[in-house]
């Protein structure tokens, strides 16, 4: 059976990306795939044994360095992620969404992930429909 993980990174005060990640995971589950939804900040050091990895974060003001630094640290300690197919997403609130999405994708690619798709997710229903469409 195929396994996937949806990992989200967000500051304590903003839980919007958590709801998007859970909706994305529900959409992936509708395909009959086993999905684990993780808070990346609390799961540093956890080894992932998955075939597909979705990573999302909240667009931050400025360059978004705080979040992407945490993503890099998580991926460095997540076991063998190089060569795995993946999906990158950010939530649609805030400014510089596309710039932060590009920065997230750069970090993921630097760790060897093969990004198949990326999006700025607008709502929970949008996230669930994208999850149902992902080719895992």
N, C-alpha and C. Protein backbone atom coordinates (compact mmCIF):
# COMPACT_ATOMS: atom_id res chain seq x y z
N UNK A 1 0.83 -1.18 0.00
CA UNK A 1 0.00 0.00 0.00
C UNK A 1 0.87 1.24 0.00
N UNK A 2 0.47 2.24 -0.77
CA UNK A 2 1.21 3.49 -0.83
C UNK A 2 0.96 4.29 0.45
N UNK A 3 2.01 4.99 0.88
CA UNK A 3 1.92 5.82 2.06
C UNK A 3 2.34 7.23 1.69
N UNK A 4 1.68 8.20 2.29
CA UNK A 4 2.02 9.60 2.08
C UNK A 4 2.07 10.31 3.41
N UNK A 5 2.77 11.43 3.44
CA UNK A 5 2.82 12.27 4.63
C UNK A 5 2.56 13.71 4.22
N UNK A 6 1.72 14.37 4.98
CA UNK A 6 1.48 15.80 4.79
C UNK A 6 2.09 16.49 6.00
N UNK A 7 3.11 17.31 5.76
CA UNK A 7 3.84 17.98 6.83
C UNK A 7 3.60 19.48 6.69
N UNK A 8 3.20 20.12 7.78
CA UNK A 8 2.96 21.55 7.74
C UNK A 8 3.81 22.27 8.77
N UNK A 9 4.15 23.51 8.46
CA UNK A 9 4.96 24.35 9.34
C UNK A 9 4.22 25.67 9.51
N UNK A 10 3.96 26.06 10.75
CA UNK A 10 3.28 27.33 10.98
C UNK A 10 3.66 27.88 12.34
N UNK A 11 3.62 29.21 12.48
CA UNK A 11 3.86 29.78 13.81
C UNK A 11 2.69 29.45 14.72
N UNK A 12 2.90 29.53 16.01
CA UNK A 12 1.87 29.18 17.00
C UNK A 12 0.59 29.99 16.84
N UNK A 13 0.70 31.24 16.43
CA UNK A 13 -0.48 32.10 16.36
C UNK A 13 -1.34 31.86 15.13
N UNK A 14 -0.83 31.15 14.14
CA UNK A 14 -1.58 30.97 12.90
C UNK A 14 -1.75 29.48 12.60
N UNK A 15 -2.97 29.00 12.66
CA UNK A 15 -3.25 27.58 12.43
C UNK A 15 -3.90 27.32 11.07
N UNK A 16 -3.92 28.34 10.18
CA UNK A 16 -4.60 28.17 8.90
C UNK A 16 -3.97 27.06 8.06
N UNK A 17 -2.66 26.95 8.07
CA UNK A 17 -2.02 25.91 7.26
C UNK A 17 -2.30 24.52 7.83
N UNK A 18 -2.54 24.42 9.14
CA UNK A 18 -2.87 23.13 9.74
C UNK A 18 -4.20 22.61 9.18
N UNK A 19 -5.20 23.50 9.09
CA UNK A 19 -6.49 23.10 8.55
C UNK A 19 -6.38 22.72 7.07
N UNK A 20 -5.55 23.45 6.32
CA UNK A 20 -5.34 23.11 4.91
C UNK A 20 -4.66 21.75 4.78
N UNK A 21 -3.67 21.49 5.64
CA UNK A 21 -2.96 20.21 5.60
C UNK A 21 -3.89 19.05 5.91
N UNK A 22 -4.76 19.23 6.91
CA UNK A 22 -5.70 18.17 7.26
C UNK A 22 -6.70 17.92 6.13
N UNK A 23 -7.14 18.98 5.45
CA UNK A 23 -8.05 18.83 4.32
C UNK A 23 -7.35 18.15 3.15
N UNK A 24 -6.09 18.52 2.92
CA UNK A 24 -5.31 17.88 1.86
C UNK A 24 -5.16 16.39 2.14
N UNK A 25 -4.87 16.05 3.39
CA UNK A 25 -4.74 14.64 3.79
C UNK A 25 -6.05 13.89 3.59
N UNK A 26 -7.18 14.53 3.88
CA UNK A 26 -8.48 13.89 3.67
C UNK A 26 -8.72 13.62 2.19
N UNK A 27 -8.32 14.54 1.33
CA UNK A 27 -8.44 14.33 -0.11
C UNK A 27 -7.57 13.18 -0.59
N UNK A 28 -6.37 13.06 -0.05
CA UNK A 28 -5.48 11.96 -0.43
C UNK A 28 -6.05 10.64 0.07
N UNK A 29 -6.60 10.63 1.28
CA UNK A 29 -7.22 9.41 1.82
C UNK A 29 -8.38 8.93 0.95
N UNK A 30 -9.08 9.86 0.30
CA UNK A 30 -10.20 9.47 -0.56
C UNK A 30 -9.75 8.62 -1.74
N UNK A 31 -8.45 8.63 -2.03
CA UNK A 31 -7.89 7.78 -3.08
C UNK A 31 -7.52 6.40 -2.55
N UNK A 32 -7.71 6.17 -1.26
CA UNK A 32 -7.38 4.89 -0.66
C UNK A 32 -5.93 4.78 -0.23
N UNK A 33 -5.29 5.89 -0.04
CA UNK A 33 -3.87 5.93 0.34
C UNK A 33 -3.75 6.25 1.82
N UNK A 34 -2.87 5.57 2.50
CA UNK A 34 -2.62 5.82 3.92
C UNK A 34 -1.84 7.12 4.06
N UNK A 35 -2.36 8.05 4.89
CA UNK A 35 -1.75 9.37 5.02
C UNK A 35 -1.51 9.70 6.49
N UNK A 36 -0.37 10.29 6.75
CA UNK A 36 -0.03 10.77 8.08
C UNK A 36 0.12 12.29 7.99
N UNK A 37 -0.56 13.02 8.86
CA UNK A 37 -0.49 14.48 8.88
C UNK A 37 0.34 14.90 10.10
N UNK A 38 1.44 15.62 9.87
CA UNK A 38 2.39 15.95 10.93
C UNK A 38 2.65 17.44 11.04
N UNK A 39 2.83 17.92 12.26
CA UNK A 39 3.35 19.26 12.48
C UNK A 39 4.87 19.13 12.40
N UNK A 40 5.46 19.72 11.38
CA UNK A 40 6.89 19.58 11.15
C UNK A 40 7.75 20.13 12.26
N UNK A 41 7.26 21.16 12.94
CA UNK A 41 8.05 21.75 14.02
C UNK A 41 8.14 20.82 15.22
N UNK A 42 7.12 20.01 15.44
CA UNK A 42 7.13 19.07 16.56
C UNK A 42 7.71 17.71 16.18
N UNK A 43 7.93 17.48 14.89
CA UNK A 43 8.35 16.16 14.41
C UNK A 43 9.78 16.12 13.89
N UNK A 44 10.59 17.11 14.25
CA UNK A 44 11.99 17.10 13.81
C UNK A 44 12.66 15.86 14.37
N UNK A 45 13.35 15.13 13.51
CA UNK A 45 14.02 13.91 13.91
C UNK A 45 13.21 12.66 13.62
N UNK A 46 11.95 12.80 13.25
CA UNK A 46 11.10 11.65 12.92
C UNK A 46 11.49 11.12 11.55
N UNK A 47 11.72 9.84 11.46
CA UNK A 47 12.06 9.19 10.20
C UNK A 47 10.78 8.90 9.42
N UNK A 48 10.77 9.29 8.16
CA UNK A 48 9.60 9.09 7.31
C UNK A 48 9.81 7.89 6.41
N UNK A 49 8.83 7.02 6.35
CA UNK A 49 8.85 5.87 5.45
C UNK A 49 7.62 5.99 4.53
N UNK A 50 7.72 6.90 3.58
CA UNK A 50 6.59 7.20 2.70
C UNK A 50 7.05 7.21 1.25
N UNK A 51 6.07 7.11 0.34
CA UNK A 51 6.38 7.20 -1.08
C UNK A 51 6.10 8.59 -1.65
N UNK A 52 5.34 9.40 -0.90
CA UNK A 52 4.98 10.74 -1.37
C UNK A 52 4.97 11.68 -0.17
N UNK A 53 5.43 12.91 -0.39
CA UNK A 53 5.55 13.87 0.70
C UNK A 53 4.98 15.22 0.27
N UNK A 54 4.03 15.73 1.02
CA UNK A 54 3.46 17.06 0.80
C UNK A 54 3.91 17.96 1.94
N UNK A 55 4.44 19.14 1.59
CA UNK A 55 4.95 20.06 2.60
C UNK A 55 4.34 21.43 2.38
N UNK A 56 3.84 22.02 3.47
CA UNK A 56 3.23 23.33 3.37
C UNK A 56 3.62 24.24 4.51
N UNK A 57 3.53 25.55 4.25
CA UNK A 57 3.83 26.53 5.28
C UNK A 57 3.01 27.79 5.05
N UNK A 58 3.05 28.68 6.01
CA UNK A 58 2.36 29.96 5.95
C UNK A 58 3.31 30.98 5.34
N UNK A 59 2.85 31.78 4.37
CA UNK A 59 3.71 32.85 3.87
C UNK A 59 4.00 33.85 4.98
N UNK A 60 5.25 34.16 5.18
CA UNK A 60 5.64 35.11 6.21
C UNK A 60 5.97 36.44 5.59
N UNK A 61 5.91 37.47 6.38
CA UNK A 61 6.35 38.78 5.90
C UNK A 61 7.86 38.72 5.71
N UNK A 62 8.35 39.41 4.73
CA UNK A 62 9.77 39.36 4.43
C UNK A 62 10.10 38.13 3.61
N UNK A 63 11.21 37.51 3.90
CA UNK A 63 11.71 36.40 3.08
C UNK A 63 11.20 35.04 3.52
N UNK A 64 10.59 34.92 4.66
CA UNK A 64 10.11 33.62 5.11
C UNK A 64 11.22 32.70 5.57
N UNK A 65 12.32 33.27 5.99
CA UNK A 65 13.50 32.48 6.36
C UNK A 65 13.23 31.56 7.54
N UNK A 66 12.44 32.01 8.51
CA UNK A 66 12.19 31.19 9.71
C UNK A 66 11.54 29.87 9.39
N UNK A 67 10.54 29.87 8.55
CA UNK A 67 9.83 28.65 8.20
C UNK A 67 10.70 27.74 7.34
N UNK A 68 11.31 28.29 6.30
CA UNK A 68 12.09 27.43 5.41
C UNK A 68 13.32 26.85 6.10
N UNK A 69 13.86 27.54 7.09
CA UNK A 69 14.96 26.98 7.88
C UNK A 69 14.51 25.75 8.65
N UNK A 70 13.27 25.80 9.17
CA UNK A 70 12.72 24.66 9.89
C UNK A 70 12.42 23.51 8.94
N UNK A 71 11.98 23.84 7.72
CA UNK A 71 11.72 22.80 6.72
C UNK A 71 13.02 22.08 6.39
N UNK A 72 14.08 22.83 6.18
CA UNK A 72 15.38 22.23 5.85
C UNK A 72 15.86 21.32 6.98
N UNK A 73 15.75 21.79 8.22
CA UNK A 73 16.17 20.98 9.37
C UNK A 73 15.33 19.70 9.46
N UNK A 74 14.02 19.81 9.24
CA UNK A 74 13.15 18.63 9.28
C UNK A 74 13.57 17.62 8.21
N UNK A 75 13.77 18.10 6.97
CA UNK A 75 14.11 17.19 5.87
C UNK A 75 15.48 16.54 6.05
N UNK A 76 16.42 17.27 6.63
CA UNK A 76 17.76 16.71 6.88
C UNK A 76 17.70 15.54 7.84
N UNK A 77 16.74 15.55 8.77
CA UNK A 77 16.65 14.51 9.79
C UNK A 77 15.53 13.51 9.54
N UNK A 78 14.86 13.58 8.38
CA UNK A 78 13.70 12.73 8.11
C UNK A 78 14.05 11.40 7.46
N UNK A 79 15.30 11.07 7.38
CA UNK A 79 15.69 9.83 6.72
C UNK A 79 15.94 10.08 5.24
N UNK A 80 15.76 9.05 4.44
CA UNK A 80 16.02 9.16 3.01
C UNK A 80 14.81 9.78 2.31
N UNK A 81 14.94 11.04 1.92
CA UNK A 81 13.86 11.72 1.21
C UNK A 81 14.26 12.03 -0.24
N UNK A 82 15.52 11.91 -0.52
CA UNK A 82 16.01 12.21 -1.86
C UNK A 82 15.36 11.30 -2.90
N UNK A 83 14.86 11.92 -3.97
CA UNK A 83 14.24 11.18 -5.05
C UNK A 83 12.75 10.92 -4.87
N UNK A 84 12.22 11.26 -3.72
CA UNK A 84 10.78 11.03 -3.49
C UNK A 84 9.97 12.12 -4.19
N UNK A 85 8.80 11.72 -4.69
CA UNK A 85 7.90 12.68 -5.32
C UNK A 85 7.23 13.49 -4.23
N UNK A 86 6.97 14.76 -4.53
CA UNK A 86 6.44 15.63 -3.49
C UNK A 86 5.54 16.73 -4.04
N UNK A 87 4.89 17.42 -3.13
CA UNK A 87 3.97 18.50 -3.41
C UNK A 87 4.26 19.63 -2.43
N UNK A 88 4.34 20.87 -2.93
CA UNK A 88 4.61 22.03 -2.09
C UNK A 88 3.38 22.93 -2.09
N UNK A 89 3.03 23.46 -0.91
CA UNK A 89 1.90 24.38 -0.86
C UNK A 89 2.08 25.43 0.23
N UNK A 90 1.46 26.57 0.01
CA UNK A 90 1.36 27.62 1.01
C UNK A 90 -0.10 28.05 1.05
N UNK A 91 -0.53 28.62 2.18
CA UNK A 91 -1.91 29.11 2.24
C UNK A 91 -1.97 30.51 1.62
N UNK A 92 -3.16 30.92 1.21
CA UNK A 92 -3.28 32.14 0.41
C UNK A 92 -3.30 33.43 1.22
N UNK A 93 -3.20 33.37 2.52
CA UNK A 93 -3.22 34.61 3.29
C UNK A 93 -1.82 35.21 3.33
N UNK A 94 -1.76 36.50 3.59
CA UNK A 94 -0.46 37.16 3.69
C UNK A 94 0.01 37.71 2.36
N UNK A 95 1.23 38.20 2.38
CA UNK A 95 1.82 38.77 1.17
C UNK A 95 2.96 37.89 0.68
N UNK A 96 3.36 38.12 -0.54
CA UNK A 96 4.48 37.39 -1.16
C UNK A 96 4.28 35.88 -1.15
N UNK A 97 3.07 35.46 -1.47
CA UNK A 97 2.77 34.02 -1.46
C UNK A 97 3.63 33.27 -2.47
N UNK A 98 3.72 33.78 -3.68
CA UNK A 98 4.49 33.11 -4.72
C UNK A 98 5.98 33.08 -4.38
N UNK A 99 6.49 34.15 -3.82
CA UNK A 99 7.90 34.19 -3.45
C UNK A 99 8.21 33.16 -2.36
N UNK A 100 7.32 33.06 -1.37
CA UNK A 100 7.52 32.08 -0.30
C UNK A 100 7.35 30.66 -0.81
N UNK A 101 6.42 30.46 -1.75
CA UNK A 101 6.27 29.13 -2.35
C UNK A 101 7.54 28.75 -3.10
N UNK A 102 8.10 29.69 -3.84
CA UNK A 102 9.34 29.43 -4.57
C UNK A 102 10.48 29.10 -3.60
N UNK A 103 10.56 29.82 -2.49
CA UNK A 103 11.60 29.56 -1.49
C UNK A 103 11.43 28.18 -0.86
N UNK A 104 10.18 27.81 -0.56
CA UNK A 104 9.90 26.47 -0.02
C UNK A 104 10.32 25.40 -1.02
N UNK A 105 9.98 25.60 -2.28
CA UNK A 105 10.34 24.63 -3.31
C UNK A 105 11.86 24.51 -3.46
N UNK A 106 12.57 25.63 -3.35
CA UNK A 106 14.03 25.59 -3.45
C UNK A 106 14.64 24.75 -2.33
N UNK A 107 14.11 24.91 -1.12
CA UNK A 107 14.61 24.12 0.01
C UNK A 107 14.32 22.64 -0.22
N UNK A 108 13.11 22.33 -0.68
CA UNK A 108 12.74 20.93 -0.92
C UNK A 108 13.63 20.32 -2.00
N UNK A 109 13.86 21.06 -3.07
CA UNK A 109 14.71 20.54 -4.15
C UNK A 109 16.15 20.39 -3.71
N UNK A 110 16.63 21.27 -2.82
CA UNK A 110 18.01 21.16 -2.34
C UNK A 110 18.22 19.88 -1.53
N UNK A 111 17.14 19.34 -0.97
CA UNK A 111 17.21 18.09 -0.22
C UNK A 111 16.94 16.87 -1.11
N UNK A 112 16.75 17.10 -2.41
CA UNK A 112 16.60 16.00 -3.35
C UNK A 112 15.18 15.57 -3.65
N UNK A 113 14.19 16.30 -3.15
CA UNK A 113 12.80 15.95 -3.44
C UNK A 113 12.45 16.33 -4.88
N UNK A 114 11.62 15.52 -5.51
CA UNK A 114 11.17 15.75 -6.87
C UNK A 114 9.77 16.34 -6.80
N UNK A 115 9.64 17.64 -7.02
CA UNK A 115 8.37 18.32 -6.87
C UNK A 115 7.52 18.12 -8.13
N UNK A 116 6.39 17.46 -7.95
CA UNK A 116 5.47 17.18 -9.06
C UNK A 116 4.46 18.31 -9.25
N UNK A 117 4.12 19.00 -8.15
CA UNK A 117 3.09 20.04 -8.23
C UNK A 117 3.27 20.99 -7.06
N UNK A 118 2.85 22.24 -7.26
CA UNK A 118 2.86 23.22 -6.18
C UNK A 118 1.66 24.14 -6.34
N UNK A 119 1.14 24.63 -5.21
CA UNK A 119 -0.05 25.48 -5.24
C UNK A 119 -0.06 26.47 -4.09
N UNK A 120 -0.83 27.54 -4.30
CA UNK A 120 -1.26 28.41 -3.22
C UNK A 120 -2.69 27.99 -2.94
N UNK A 121 -2.93 27.38 -1.79
CA UNK A 121 -4.26 26.86 -1.46
C UNK A 121 -5.13 27.95 -0.84
N UNK A 122 -6.34 28.08 -1.37
CA UNK A 122 -7.24 29.16 -0.97
C UNK A 122 -8.17 28.80 0.17
N UNK A 123 -8.59 27.54 0.26
CA UNK A 123 -9.56 27.15 1.29
C UNK A 123 -9.42 25.65 1.56
N UNK A 124 -10.13 25.20 2.59
CA UNK A 124 -10.11 23.78 2.93
C UNK A 124 -10.71 22.93 1.82
N UNK A 125 -11.77 23.42 1.20
CA UNK A 125 -12.38 22.66 0.11
C UNK A 125 -11.46 22.59 -1.10
N UNK A 126 -10.72 23.67 -1.36
CA UNK A 126 -9.73 23.65 -2.44
C UNK A 126 -8.63 22.64 -2.13
N UNK A 127 -8.17 22.63 -0.88
CA UNK A 127 -7.12 21.69 -0.48
C UNK A 127 -7.59 20.25 -0.62
N UNK A 128 -8.82 19.97 -0.24
CA UNK A 128 -9.34 18.60 -0.33
C UNK A 128 -9.47 18.16 -1.79
N UNK A 129 -9.92 19.06 -2.67
CA UNK A 129 -10.03 18.70 -4.08
C UNK A 129 -8.66 18.48 -4.71
N UNK A 130 -7.67 19.27 -4.31
CA UNK A 130 -6.31 19.07 -4.81
C UNK A 130 -5.77 17.72 -4.33
N UNK A 131 -6.02 17.39 -3.06
CA UNK A 131 -5.58 16.10 -2.52
C UNK A 131 -6.18 14.93 -3.26
N UNK A 132 -7.43 15.06 -3.67
CA UNK A 132 -8.10 13.99 -4.41
C UNK A 132 -7.54 13.85 -5.82
N UNK A 133 -6.96 14.93 -6.36
CA UNK A 133 -6.42 14.92 -7.72
C UNK A 133 -4.95 14.53 -7.80
N UNK A 134 -4.22 14.61 -6.69
CA UNK A 134 -2.78 14.33 -6.73
C UNK A 134 -2.53 12.89 -7.22
N UNK A 135 -1.55 12.76 -8.09
CA UNK A 135 -1.18 11.44 -8.59
C UNK A 135 -0.05 10.90 -7.72
N UNK A 136 -0.42 10.00 -6.84
CA UNK A 136 0.55 9.44 -5.89
C UNK A 136 0.87 8.06 -6.35
